[in-house]
All heavy atoms as atom14 arrays in JSON, in Angstrom:
{
  "sequence": "GWKFYKIDYYYSAFVEDKEVTGLYETPEKFKQMRMPHFWMT",
  "atom14_mask": [
    [1, 1, 1, 1, 0, 0, 0, 0, 0, 0, 0, 0, 0, 0],
    [1, 1, 1, 1, 1, 1, 1, 1, 1, 1, 1, 1, 1, 1],
    [1, 1, 1, 1, 1, 1, 1, 1, 1, 0, 0, 0, 0, 0],
    [1, 1, 1, 1, 1, 1, 1, 1, 1, 1, 1, 0, 0, 0],
    [1, 1, 1, 1, 1, 1, 1, 1, 1, 1, 1, 1, 0, 0],
    [1, 1, 1, 1, 1, 1, 1, 1, 1, 0, 0, 0, 0, 0],
    [1, 1, 1, 1, 1, 1, 1, 1, 0, 0, 0, 0, 0, 0],
    [1, 1, 1, 1, 1, 1, 1, 1, 0, 0, 0, 0, 0, 0],
    [1, 1, 1, 1, 1, 1, 1, 1, 1, 1, 1, 1, 0, 0],
    [1, 1, 1, 1, 1, 1, 1, 1, 1, 1, 1, 1, 0, 0],
    [1, 1, 1, 1, 1, 1, 1, 1, 1, 1, 1, 1, 0, 0],
    [1, 1, 1, 1, 1, 1, 0, 0, 0, 0, 0, 0, 0, 0],
    [1, 1, 1, 1, 1, 0, 0, 0, 0, 0, 0, 0, 0, 0],
    [1, 1, 1, 1, 1, 1, 1, 1, 1, 1, 1, 0, 0, 0],
    [1, 1, 1, 1, 1, 1, 1, 0, 0, 0, 0, 0, 0, 0],
    [1, 1, 1, 1, 1, 1, 1, 1, 1, 0, 0, 0, 0, 0],
    [1, 1, 1, 1, 1, 1, 1, 1, 0, 0, 0, 0, 0, 0],
    [1, 1, 1, 1, 1, 1, 1, 1, 1, 0, 0, 0, 0, 0],
    [1, 1, 1, 1, 1, 1, 1, 1, 1, 0, 0, 0, 0, 0],
    [1, 1, 1, 1, 1, 1, 1, 0, 0, 0, 0, 0, 0, 0],
    [1, 1, 1, 1, 1, 1, 1, 0, 0, 0, 0, 0, 0, 0],
    [1, 1, 1, 1, 0, 0, 0, 0, 0, 0, 0, 0, 0, 0],
    [1, 1, 1, 1, 1, 1, 1, 1, 0, 0, 0, 0, 0, 0],
    [1, 1, 1, 1, 1, 1, 1, 1, 1, 1, 1, 1, 0, 0],
    [1, 1, 1, 1, 1, 1, 1, 1, 1, 0, 0, 0, 0, 0],
    [1, 1, 1, 1, 1, 1, 1, 0, 0, 0, 0, 0, 0, 0],
    [1, 1, 1, 1, 1, 1, 1, 0, 0, 0, 0, 0, 0, 0],
    [1, 1, 1, 1, 1, 1, 1, 1, 1, 0, 0, 0, 0, 0],
    [1, 1, 1, 1, 1, 1, 1, 1, 1, 0, 0, 0, 0, 0],
    [1, 1, 1, 1, 1, 1, 1, 1, 1, 1, 1, 0, 0, 0],
    [1, 1, 1, 1, 1, 1, 1, 1, 1, 0, 0, 0, 0, 0],
    [1, 1, 1, 1, 1, 1, 1, 1, 1, 0, 0, 0, 0, 0],
    [1, 1, 1, 1, 1, 1, 1, 1, 0, 0, 0, 0, 0, 0],
    [1, 1, 1, 1, 1, 1, 1, 1, 1, 1, 1, 0, 0, 0],
    [1, 1, 1, 1, 1, 1, 1, 1, 0, 0, 0, 0, 0, 0],
    [1, 1, 1, 1, 1, 1, 1, 0, 0, 0, 0, 0, 0, 0],
    [1, 1, 1, 1, 1, 1, 1, 1, 1, 1, 0, 0, 0, 0],
    [1, 1, 1, 1, 1, 1, 1, 1, 1, 1, 1, 0, 0, 0],
    [1, 1, 1, 1, 1, 1, 1, 1, 1, 1, 1, 1, 1, 1],
    [1, 1, 1, 1, 1, 1, 1, 1, 0, 0, 0, 0, 0, 0],
    [1, 1, 1, 1, 1, 1, 1, 0, 0, 0, 0, 0, 0, 0]
  ],
  "atom14_positions": [
    [[159.46, 0.84, 97.25], [158.47, 0.61, 98.29], [157.37, -0.37, 97.89], [156.3, -0.38, 98.49], [0.0, 0.0, 0.0], [0.0, 0.0, 0.0], [0.0, 0.0, 0.0], [0.0, 0.0, 0.0], [0.0, 0.0, 0.0], [0.0, 0.0, 0.0], [0.0, 0.0, 0.0], [0.0, 0.0, 0.0], [0.0, 0.0, 0.0], [0.0, 0.0, 0.0]],
    [[157.64, -1.2, 96.88], [156.62, -2.14, 96.43], [156.45, -3.28, 97.44], [157.42, -3.76, 98.03], [157.01, -2.73, 95.08], [157.04, -1.73, 93.97], [156.48, -0.49, 93.95], [157.68, -1.91, 92.69], [156.72, 0.12, 92.74], [157.45, -0.72, 91.95], [158.4, -2.93, 92.11], [157.93, -0.54, 90.65], [158.89, -2.77, 90.82], [158.65, -1.58, 90.1]],
    [[155.24, -3.74, 97.59], [154.93, -4.91, 98.41], [154.42, -6.01, 97.5], [153.47, -5.8, 96.73], [153.86, -4.55, 99.46], [153.46, -5.7, 100.36], [154.56, -6.1, 101.3], [154.09, -7.15, 102.29], [155.17, -7.63, 103.17], [0.0, 0.0, 0.0], [0.0, 0.0, 0.0], [0.0, 0.0, 0.0], [0.0, 0.0, 0.0], [0.0, 0.0, 0.0]],
    [[155.06, -7.18, 97.56], [154.74, -8.27, 96.64], [153.83, -9.31, 97.29], [154.01, -9.67, 98.46], [156.02, -8.96, 96.17], [156.86, -8.13, 95.23], [157.8, -7.25, 95.72], [156.7, -8.24, 93.86], [158.58, -6.48, 94.87], [157.47, -7.48, 92.99], [158.42, -6.6, 93.5], [0.0, 0.0, 0.0], [0.0, 0.0, 0.0], [0.0, 0.0, 0.0]],
    [[152.86, -9.8, 96.48], [151.97, -10.86, 96.91], [151.99, -11.96, 95.86], [151.85, -11.69, 94.67], [150.54, -10.33, 97.08], [150.43, -9.25, 98.14], [150.55, -7.9, 97.8], [150.23, -9.58, 99.47], [150.46, -6.91, 98.76], [150.13, -8.59, 100.44], [150.25, -7.26, 100.08], [150.18, -6.28, 101.03], [0.0, 0.0, 0.0], [0.0, 0.0, 0.0]],
    [[152.13, -13.21, 96.31], [152.26, -14.32, 95.38], [150.92, -14.98, 95.1], [150.14, -15.24, 96.02], [153.22, -15.38, 95.94], [153.54, -16.5, 94.96], [154.55, -17.47, 95.55], [154.9, -18.55, 94.52], [155.86, -19.55, 95.06], [0.0, 0.0, 0.0], [0.0, 0.0, 0.0], [0.0, 0.0, 0.0], [0.0, 0.0, 0.0], [0.0, 0.0, 0.0]],
    [[150.65, -15.2, 93.81], [149.5, -15.97, 93.37], [150.02, -17.02, 92.39], [150.49, -16.68, 91.31], [148.44, -15.09, 92.68], [147.96, -13.98, 93.65], [147.26, -15.94, 92.21], [147.01, -13.01, 93.01], [0.0, 0.0, 0.0], [0.0, 0.0, 0.0], [0.0, 0.0, 0.0], [0.0, 0.0, 0.0], [0.0, 0.0, 0.0], [0.0, 0.0, 0.0]],
    [[149.98, -18.29, 92.81], [150.58, -19.38, 92.03], [152.05, -19.09, 91.82], [152.79, -18.92, 92.78], [149.82, -19.57, 90.72], [148.37, -20.0, 90.95], [148.14, -20.73, 91.93], [147.49, -19.58, 90.19], [0.0, 0.0, 0.0], [0.0, 0.0, 0.0], [0.0, 0.0, 0.0], [0.0, 0.0, 0.0], [0.0, 0.0, 0.0], [0.0, 0.0, 0.0]],
    [[152.48, -19.0, 90.56], [153.9, -18.79, 90.27], [154.25, -17.31, 90.09], [155.4, -16.97, 89.83], [154.3, -19.54, 88.99], [153.65, -18.98, 87.74], [154.3, -18.03, 86.97], [152.38, -19.41, 87.34], [153.7, -17.49, 85.83], [151.78, -18.87, 86.22], [152.44, -17.93, 85.47], [151.85, -17.39, 84.34], [0.0, 0.0, 0.0], [0.0, 0.0, 0.0]],
    [[153.26, -16.44, 90.23], [153.43, -15.03, 89.87], [153.34, -14.15, 91.11], [152.57, -14.42, 92.04], [152.34, -14.64, 88.88], [152.6, -13.35, 88.12], [153.45, -13.34, 87.01], [151.98, -12.16, 88.49], [153.69, -12.18, 86.3], [152.21, -11.0, 87.78], [153.07, -11.01, 86.69], [153.3, -9.85, 85.99], [0.0, 0.0, 0.0], [0.0, 0.0, 0.0]],
    [[154.13, -13.07, 91.11], [154.12, -12.11, 92.2], [153.59, -10.77, 91.67], [154.14, -10.22, 90.71], [155.52, -11.89, 92.77], [156.17, -13.11, 93.37], [156.84, -14.03, 92.57], [156.1, -13.36, 94.74], [157.45, -15.15, 93.12], [156.71, -14.48, 95.3], [157.38, -15.36, 94.49], [157.98, -16.47, 95.03], [0.0, 0.0, 0.0], [0.0, 0.0, 0.0]],
    [[152.57, -10.24, 92.3], [152.05, -8.93, 91.94], [152.55, -7.91, 92.96], [152.54, -8.16, 94.17], [150.51, -8.92, 91.94], [150.02, -9.74, 90.9], [0.0, 0.0, 0.0], [0.0, 0.0, 0.0], [0.0, 0.0, 0.0], [0.0, 0.0, 0.0], [0.0, 0.0, 0.0], [0.0, 0.0, 0.0], [0.0, 0.0, 0.0], [0.0, 0.0, 0.0]],
    [[153.01, -6.76, 92.46], [153.56, -5.72, 93.32], [152.55, -4.59, 93.48], [151.93, -4.16, 92.5], [154.86, -5.18, 92.73], [0.0, 0.0, 0.0], [0.0, 0.0, 0.0], [0.0, 0.0, 0.0], [0.0, 0.0, 0.0], [0.0, 0.0, 0.0], [0.0, 0.0, 0.0], [0.0, 0.0, 0.0], [0.0, 0.0, 0.0], [0.0, 0.0, 0.0]],
    [[152.43, -4.1, 94.69], [151.46, -3.06, 95.01], [152.14, -1.89, 95.72], [153.12, -2.07, 96.44], [150.37, -3.59, 95.94], [149.39, -4.51, 95.27], [149.74, -5.82, 94.97], [148.11, -4.06, 94.95], [148.83, -6.67, 94.35], [147.2, -4.91, 94.34], [147.56, -6.21, 94.03], [0.0, 0.0, 0.0], [0.0, 0.0, 0.0], [0.0, 0.0, 0.0]],
    [[151.62, -0.7, 95.49], [151.89, 0.47, 96.33], [150.58, 0.78, 97.03], [149.6, 1.14, 96.36], [152.38, 1.68, 95.52], [152.47, 2.91, 96.41], [153.75, 1.39, 94.89], [0.0, 0.0, 0.0], [0.0, 0.0, 0.0], [0.0, 0.0, 0.0], [0.0, 0.0, 0.0], [0.0, 0.0, 0.0], [0.0, 0.0, 0.0], [0.0, 0.0, 0.0]],
    [[150.55, 0.56, 98.34], [149.3, 0.61, 99.11], [148.3, -0.36, 98.47], [148.58, -1.54, 98.37], [148.79, 2.06, 99.16], [149.74, 2.98, 99.92], [149.3, 4.42, 99.95], [148.33, 4.78, 99.24], [149.92, 5.2, 100.68], [0.0, 0.0, 0.0], [0.0, 0.0, 0.0], [0.0, 0.0, 0.0], [0.0, 0.0, 0.0], [0.0, 0.0, 0.0]],
    [[147.16, 0.11, 97.98], [146.17, -0.82, 97.43], [146.14, -0.85, 95.91], [145.24, -1.43, 95.31], [144.77, -0.46, 97.95], [144.32, 0.93, 97.53], [145.19, 1.73, 97.12], [143.11, 1.22, 97.62], [0.0, 0.0, 0.0], [0.0, 0.0, 0.0], [0.0, 0.0, 0.0], [0.0, 0.0, 0.0], [0.0, 0.0, 0.0], [0.0, 0.0, 0.0]],
    [[147.16, -0.25, 95.29], [147.18, -0.18, 93.82], [148.27, -1.1, 93.26], [149.44, -0.99, 93.63], [147.41, 1.25, 93.35], [146.27, 2.2, 93.71], [146.48, 3.56, 93.09], [145.37, 4.52, 93.5], [144.03, 4.03, 93.07], [0.0, 0.0, 0.0], [0.0, 0.0, 0.0], [0.0, 0.0, 0.0], [0.0, 0.0, 0.0], [0.0, 0.0, 0.0]],
    [[147.87, -1.98, 92.35], [148.84, -2.84, 91.68], [149.69, -1.99, 90.74], [149.17, -1.14, 90.02], [148.14, -3.94, 90.89], [149.1, -4.94, 90.29], [148.39, -6.09, 89.59], [147.15, -6.01, 89.44], [149.07, -7.04, 89.2], [0.0, 0.0, 0.0], [0.0, 0.0, 0.0], [0.0, 0.0, 0.0], [0.0, 0.0, 0.0], [0.0, 0.0, 0.0]],
    [[151.0, -2.23, 90.74], [151.88, -1.42, 89.91], [152.68, -2.23, 88.9], [153.05, -1.73, 87.83], [152.86, -0.59, 90.76], [152.13, 0.52, 91.49], [153.64, -1.45, 91.74], [0.0, 0.0, 0.0], [0.0, 0.0, 0.0], [0.0, 0.0, 0.0], [0.0, 0.0, 0.0], [0.0, 0.0, 0.0], [0.0, 0.0, 0.0], [0.0, 0.0, 0.0]],
    [[152.95, -3.49, 89.19], [153.75, -4.3, 88.26], [153.7, -5.76, 88.7], [152.94, -6.13, 89.6], [155.2, -3.79, 88.21], [155.92, -4.47, 87.19], [155.92, -3.99, 89.53], [0.0, 0.0, 0.0], [0.0, 0.0, 0.0], [0.0, 0.0, 0.0], [0.0, 0.0, 0.0], [0.0, 0.0, 0.0], [0.0, 0.0, 0.0], [0.0, 0.0, 0.0]],
    [[154.51, -6.61, 88.06], [154.55, -8.02, 88.4], [155.94, -8.59, 88.28], [156.85, -7.95, 87.72], [0.0, 0.0, 0.0], [0.0, 0.0, 0.0], [0.0, 0.0, 0.0], [0.0, 0.0, 0.0], [0.0, 0.0, 0.0], [0.0, 0.0, 0.0], [0.0, 0.0, 0.0], [0.0, 0.0, 0.0], [0.0, 0.0, 0.0], [0.0, 0.0, 0.0]],
    [[156.12, -9.81, 88.8], [157.43, -10.46, 88.8], [157.22, -11.97, 88.74], [156.29, -12.5, 89.34], [158.18, -10.06, 90.08], [159.55, -10.65, 90.36], [160.4, -9.65, 91.17], [159.45, -11.97, 91.16], [0.0, 0.0, 0.0], [0.0, 0.0, 0.0], [0.0, 0.0, 0.0], [0.0, 0.0, 0.0], [0.0, 0.0, 0.0], [0.0, 0.0, 0.0]],
    [[158.1, -12.65, 88.02], [158.04, -14.11, 87.99], [159.44, -14.67, 87.81], [160.36, -13.99, 87.33], [157.12, -14.61, 86.88], [157.57, -14.25, 85.47], [158.31, -15.13, 84.71], [157.24, -13.01, 84.92], [158.73, -14.81, 83.42], [157.64, -12.67, 83.64], [158.38, -13.58, 82.89], [158.79, -13.24, 81.63], [0.0, 0.0, 0.0], [0.0, 0.0, 0.0]],
    [[159.61, -15.93, 88.23], [160.91, -16.57, 88.08], [161.1, -17.03, 86.64], [160.2, -17.64, 86.04], [161.04, -17.75, 89.03], [162.42, -18.4, 88.97], [162.66, -19.41, 90.08], [161.76, -19.59, 90.93], [163.75, -20.02, 90.09], [0.0, 0.0, 0.0], [0.0, 0.0, 0.0], [0.0, 0.0, 0.0], [0.0, 0.0, 0.0], [0.0, 0.0, 0.0]],
    [[162.26, -16.75, 86.09], [162.58, -17.14, 84.72], [162.43, -18.65, 84.57], [162.99, -19.42, 85.36], [164.03, -16.75, 84.38], [164.2, -15.35, 84.62], [164.36, -17.07, 82.93], [0.0, 0.0, 0.0], [0.0, 0.0, 0.0], [0.0, 0.0, 0.0], [0.0, 0.0, 0.0], [0.0, 0.0, 0.0], [0.0, 0.0, 0.0], [0.0, 0.0, 0.0]],
    [[161.65, -19.12, 83.58], [161.5, -20.57, 83.38], [162.85, -21.25, 83.14], [163.78, -20.65, 82.59], [160.61, -20.66, 82.13], [159.84, -19.37, 82.14], [160.81, -18.35, 82.67], [0.0, 0.0, 0.0], [0.0, 0.0, 0.0], [0.0, 0.0, 0.0], [0.0, 0.0, 0.0], [0.0, 0.0, 0.0], [0.0, 0.0, 0.0], [0.0, 0.0, 0.0]],
    [[162.94, -22.5, 83.56], [164.21, -23.24, 83.51], [164.81, -23.29, 82.11], [166.03, -23.17, 81.94], [164.0, -24.66, 84.05], [165.29, -25.43, 84.26], [166.24, -24.77, 85.25], [165.75, -24.18, 86.23], [167.47, -24.85, 85.04], [0.0, 0.0, 0.0], [0.0, 0.0, 0.0], [0.0, 0.0, 0.0], [0.0, 0.0, 0.0], [0.0, 0.0, 0.0]],
    [[163.97, -23.47, 81.09], [164.52, -23.58, 79.73], [165.21, -22.3, 79.3], [166.21, -22.32, 78.57], [163.44, -23.96, 78.73], [162.35, -22.92, 78.5], [161.4, -23.4, 77.41], [160.31, -22.37, 77.13], [159.41, -22.81, 76.04], [0.0, 0.0, 0.0], [0.0, 0.0, 0.0], [0.0, 0.0, 0.0], [0.0, 0.0, 0.0], [0.0, 0.0, 0.0]],
    [[164.71, -21.15, 79.8], [165.35, -19.88, 79.46], [166.59, -19.65, 80.31], [167.53, -18.99, 79.88], [164.36, -18.73, 79.61], [163.23, -18.79, 78.62], [161.92, -18.81, 79.06], [163.48, -18.85, 77.26], [160.87, -18.87, 78.14], [162.44, -18.9, 76.34], [161.14, -18.92, 76.78], [0.0, 0.0, 0.0], [0.0, 0.0, 0.0], [0.0, 0.0, 0.0]],
    [[166.6, -20.22, 81.53], [167.83, -20.17, 82.32], [168.94, -20.94, 81.62], [170.1, -20.51, 81.59], [167.59, -20.75, 83.72], [166.71, -19.92, 84.62], [166.59, -20.59, 85.98], [165.7, -19.81, 86.93], [165.55, -20.48, 88.24], [0.0, 0.0, 0.0], [0.0, 0.0, 0.0], [0.0, 0.0, 0.0], [0.0, 0.0, 0.0], [0.0, 0.0, 0.0]],
    [[168.59, -22.1, 81.06], [169.58, -22.91, 80.35], [170.13, -22.18, 79.13], [171.29, -22.37, 78.74], [168.97, -24.25, 79.93], [168.54, -25.13, 81.07], [169.68, -25.52, 81.99], [170.8, -25.77, 81.54], [169.41, -25.58, 83.29], [0.0, 0.0, 0.0], [0.0, 0.0, 0.0], [0.0, 0.0, 0.0], [0.0, 0.0, 0.0], [0.0, 0.0, 0.0]],
    [[169.29, -21.32, 78.53], [169.73, -20.52, 77.38], [170.51, -19.29, 77.82], [171.01, -18.53, 76.99], [168.51, -20.08, 76.57], [167.76, -21.21, 75.91], [166.11, -20.7, 75.34], [166.54, -19.38, 74.2], [0.0, 0.0, 0.0], [0.0, 0.0, 0.0], [0.0, 0.0, 0.0], [0.0, 0.0, 0.0], [0.0, 0.0, 0.0], [0.0, 0.0, 0.0]],
    [[170.58, -19.09, 79.14], [171.25, -17.92, 79.75], [170.61, -16.61, 79.3], [171.28, -15.62, 79.04], [172.74, -17.93, 79.44], [173.57, -17.09, 80.4], [173.4, -17.48, 81.87], [173.79, -16.37, 82.76], [172.94, -15.59, 83.43], [171.65, -15.79, 83.34], [173.38, -14.64, 84.19], [0.0, 0.0, 0.0], [0.0, 0.0, 0.0], [0.0, 0.0, 0.0]],
    [[169.27, -16.63, 79.21], [168.54, -15.39, 78.94], [168.69, -14.48, 80.14], [168.57, -14.92, 81.28], [167.07, -15.7, 78.68], [166.24, -14.47, 78.33], [164.5, -14.9, 78.0], [164.67, -15.71, 76.41], [0.0, 0.0, 0.0], [0.0, 0.0, 0.0], [0.0, 0.0, 0.0], [0.0, 0.0, 0.0], [0.0, 0.0, 0.0], [0.0, 0.0, 0.0]],
    [[168.97, -13.2, 79.96], [169.19, -12.31, 81.1], [167.91, -11.98, 81.85], [166.8, -12.2, 81.35], [169.78, -11.05, 80.45], [169.23, -11.06, 79.06], [169.18, -12.51, 78.67], [0.0, 0.0, 0.0], [0.0, 0.0, 0.0], [0.0, 0.0, 0.0], [0.0, 0.0, 0.0], [0.0, 0.0, 0.0], [0.0, 0.0, 0.0], [0.0, 0.0, 0.0]],
    [[168.07, -11.46, 83.05], [166.95, -10.84, 83.76], [166.48, -9.67, 82.89], [167.3, -8.97, 82.29], [167.41, -10.27, 85.1], [167.99, -11.29, 86.03], [167.53, -11.47, 87.32], [169.01, -12.18, 85.88], [168.24, -12.41, 87.92], [169.15, -12.86, 87.07], [0.0, 0.0, 0.0], [0.0, 0.0, 0.0], [0.0, 0.0, 0.0], [0.0, 0.0, 0.0]],
    [[165.16, -9.43, 82.81], [164.71, -8.32, 81.95], [163.34, -7.81, 82.36], [162.52, -8.54, 82.91], [164.68, -8.74, 80.48], [163.68, -9.83, 80.17], [162.38, -9.52, 79.82], [164.06, -11.16, 80.22], [161.46, -10.52, 79.53], [163.14, -12.17, 79.94], [161.84, -11.85, 79.59], [0.0, 0.0, 0.0], [0.0, 0.0, 0.0], [0.0, 0.0, 0.0]],
    [[163.1, -6.54, 82.05], [161.79, -5.91, 82.17], [161.05, -6.03, 80.84], [161.63, -5.78, 79.78], [161.93, -4.43, 82.54], [162.05, -4.21, 84.01], [163.2, -3.97, 84.72], [160.99, -4.22, 84.96], [162.91, -3.83, 86.05], [161.55, -3.98, 86.23], [159.61, -4.41, 84.86], [160.79, -3.92, 87.39], [158.85, -4.35, 86.01], [159.44, -4.12, 87.26]],
    [[159.8, -6.41, 80.89], [158.99, -6.63, 79.7], [157.87, -5.6, 79.59], [157.14, -5.37, 80.56], [158.38, -8.03, 79.74], [157.39, -8.35, 78.63], [158.19, -8.39, 77.0], [159.12, -9.93, 77.13], [0.0, 0.0, 0.0], [0.0, 0.0, 0.0], [0.0, 0.0, 0.0], [0.0, 0.0, 0.0], [0.0, 0.0, 0.0], [0.0, 0.0, 0.0]],
    [[157.74, -4.98, 78.43], [156.64, -4.07, 78.13], [155.45, -4.84, 77.58], [155.61, -5.69, 76.69], [157.09, -3.0, 77.12], [158.01, -2.1, 77.75], [155.91, -2.2, 76.58], [0.0, 0.0, 0.0], [0.0, 0.0, 0.0], [0.0, 0.0, 0.0], [0.0, 0.0, 0.0], [0.0, 0.0, 0.0], [0.0, 0.0, 0.0], [0.0, 0.0, 0.0]]
  ]
}
C-alpha cells in the first residue's frame, strides 16, 4: 500500500503521511555490470 513521490531521481514511499522507504533506478554503469535489483540496509 505504499504511495511513491518523486524528488529529482529518487522516489520516497509513504504510508499515509509517514515515509517508510525509498526507491531509485539502478545507475547505467551498474546495469552494464548486470548488478541485480536489491534492497539496501
